[in-house]
Every structure is written in structure tokens, then in C-alpha cells.
Amino acid sequence: GMIMGALWAKEAWGDFWTWDPKETWAAATWLSYLLYLHIRGRVKDQNTLFALLIFSFLLLQMCWYGVNYLPSAQTSIHTYNQ
């Protein structure tokens, strides 16, 4: 999805990636869940895994809802508060 989204963005907006708030928070969310998937078999402490999962979920909430309230998001093409 990330690769196809980048290719689609190149066609739609003329660039693969910009430091748009929505795109940046989406990448942070994706990377945190990827980190969870990679370390869940190696880490024995369930509290650490649970904390990472909660952190990833909070990043997801920021990506869905919180980005619209950032001052830099007012110029973003990805905000949904119209």
C-alpha cells in the first residue's frame, strides 16, 4: 500500500513524498506497527510489547484525528475539516 500510494502520489501531485503532516504521521504509525511486528517474537516482557502497541495506537489516532488541529496542517491537502 505504501509503495502504490507513493506511485499514485507521483501521478496525482507530481512528487512521491512531501513532509506533509498527514503523510509524516502515517509513516510514523506504519513504522511503529512494523517495529511491533518485528520484535514481538524476540521480547519476552509483555509490558514492553503492550506499551509499544498502545503507543502505535496513539500514533494512529493522531494520524486520523489530531493532524487536522496542527497549525501546519491548515495548508495540507490531506485535511478533512471542510
Protein backbone atom coordinates (compact mmCIF):
# COMPACT_ATOMS: atom_id res chain seq x y z
CA GLY A 1 0.00 0.00 0.00
CA MET A 2 2.81 2.42 0.84
CA ILE A 3 4.57 1.79 -2.48
CA MET A 4 1.42 2.03 -4.56
CA GLY A 5 0.41 5.15 -2.64
CA ALA A 6 3.76 6.75 -3.44
CA LEU A 7 3.39 5.91 -7.12
CA TRP A 8 -0.14 7.29 -7.13
CA ALA A 9 1.06 10.46 -5.38
CA LYS A 10 3.70 10.95 -8.08
CA GLU A 11 0.98 10.89 -10.73
CA ALA A 12 -1.52 12.98 -8.76
CA TRP A 13 0.70 15.67 -7.24
CA GLY A 14 4.00 15.37 -9.09
CA ASP A 15 6.05 14.12 -6.14
CA PHE A 16 6.45 10.78 -4.36
CA TRP A 17 6.68 12.24 -0.87
CA THR A 18 6.43 15.59 0.83
CA TRP A 19 6.73 16.42 4.50
CA ASP A 20 3.00 16.90 4.76
CA PRO A 21 1.73 16.38 8.34
CA LYS A 22 -0.69 13.61 7.36
CA GLU A 23 1.94 11.72 5.38
CA THR A 24 4.54 12.09 8.11
CA TRP A 25 2.23 10.84 10.88
CA ALA A 26 1.09 7.98 8.63
CA ALA A 27 4.71 6.93 8.11
CA ALA A 28 5.38 7.11 11.87
CA THR A 29 2.31 4.96 12.52
CA TRP A 30 3.31 2.42 9.88
CA LEU A 31 6.86 2.20 11.23
CA SER A 32 5.71 1.75 14.84
CA TYR A 33 3.44 -1.18 13.91
CA LEU A 34 6.26 -2.61 11.79
CA LEU A 35 8.57 -2.39 14.81
CA TYR A 36 5.98 -4.19 16.92
CA LEU A 37 5.66 -6.99 14.38
CA HIS A 38 9.42 -7.44 14.22
CA ILE A 39 10.14 -7.54 17.95
CA ARG A 40 7.10 -9.41 19.28
CA GLY A 41 8.80 -12.80 18.91
CA ARG A 42 12.06 -11.69 20.50
CA VAL A 43 10.93 -9.68 23.51
CA LYS A 44 9.73 -11.70 26.47
CA ASP A 45 8.42 -8.76 28.51
CA GLN A 46 4.72 -8.46 27.72
CA ASN A 47 4.54 -5.00 29.30
CA THR A 48 7.02 -3.64 26.76
CA LEU A 49 5.04 -5.10 23.88
CA PHE A 50 1.79 -3.76 25.27
CA ALA A 51 3.32 -0.29 25.71
CA LEU A 52 4.53 -0.33 22.10
CA LEU A 53 1.11 -1.41 20.91
CA ILE A 54 -0.57 1.40 22.87
CA PHE A 55 1.98 3.89 21.51
CA SER A 56 1.28 2.69 17.96
CA PHE A 57 -2.45 3.05 18.52
CA LEU A 58 -1.97 6.61 19.82
CA LEU A 59 0.04 7.44 16.71
CA LEU A 60 -2.83 6.08 14.63
CA GLN A 61 -5.30 8.31 16.47
CA MET A 62 -3.05 11.30 15.88
CA CYS A 63 -2.90 10.45 12.20
CA TRP A 64 -6.69 10.10 11.90
CA TYR A 65 -7.90 12.94 14.10
CA GLY A 66 -5.13 15.03 15.60
CA VAL A 67 -3.37 16.15 12.43
CA ASN A 68 -6.29 18.38 11.49
CA TYR A 69 -5.66 20.51 14.58
CA LEU A 70 -1.98 21.20 13.92
CA PRO A 71 -1.16 24.70 12.62
CA SER A 72 0.95 23.23 9.81
CA ALA A 73 -1.97 21.09 8.67
CA GLN A 74 -4.05 24.08 7.61
CA THR A 75 -2.13 24.18 4.33
CA SER A 76 -2.23 20.41 3.85
CA ILE A 77 -4.15 18.80 1.04
CA HIS A 78 -4.94 15.86 3.34
CA THR A 79 -7.06 17.58 5.97
CA TYR A 80 -10.73 16.75 6.15
CA ASN A 81 -12.18 19.70 8.08
CA GLN A 82 -14.02 21.50 5.29
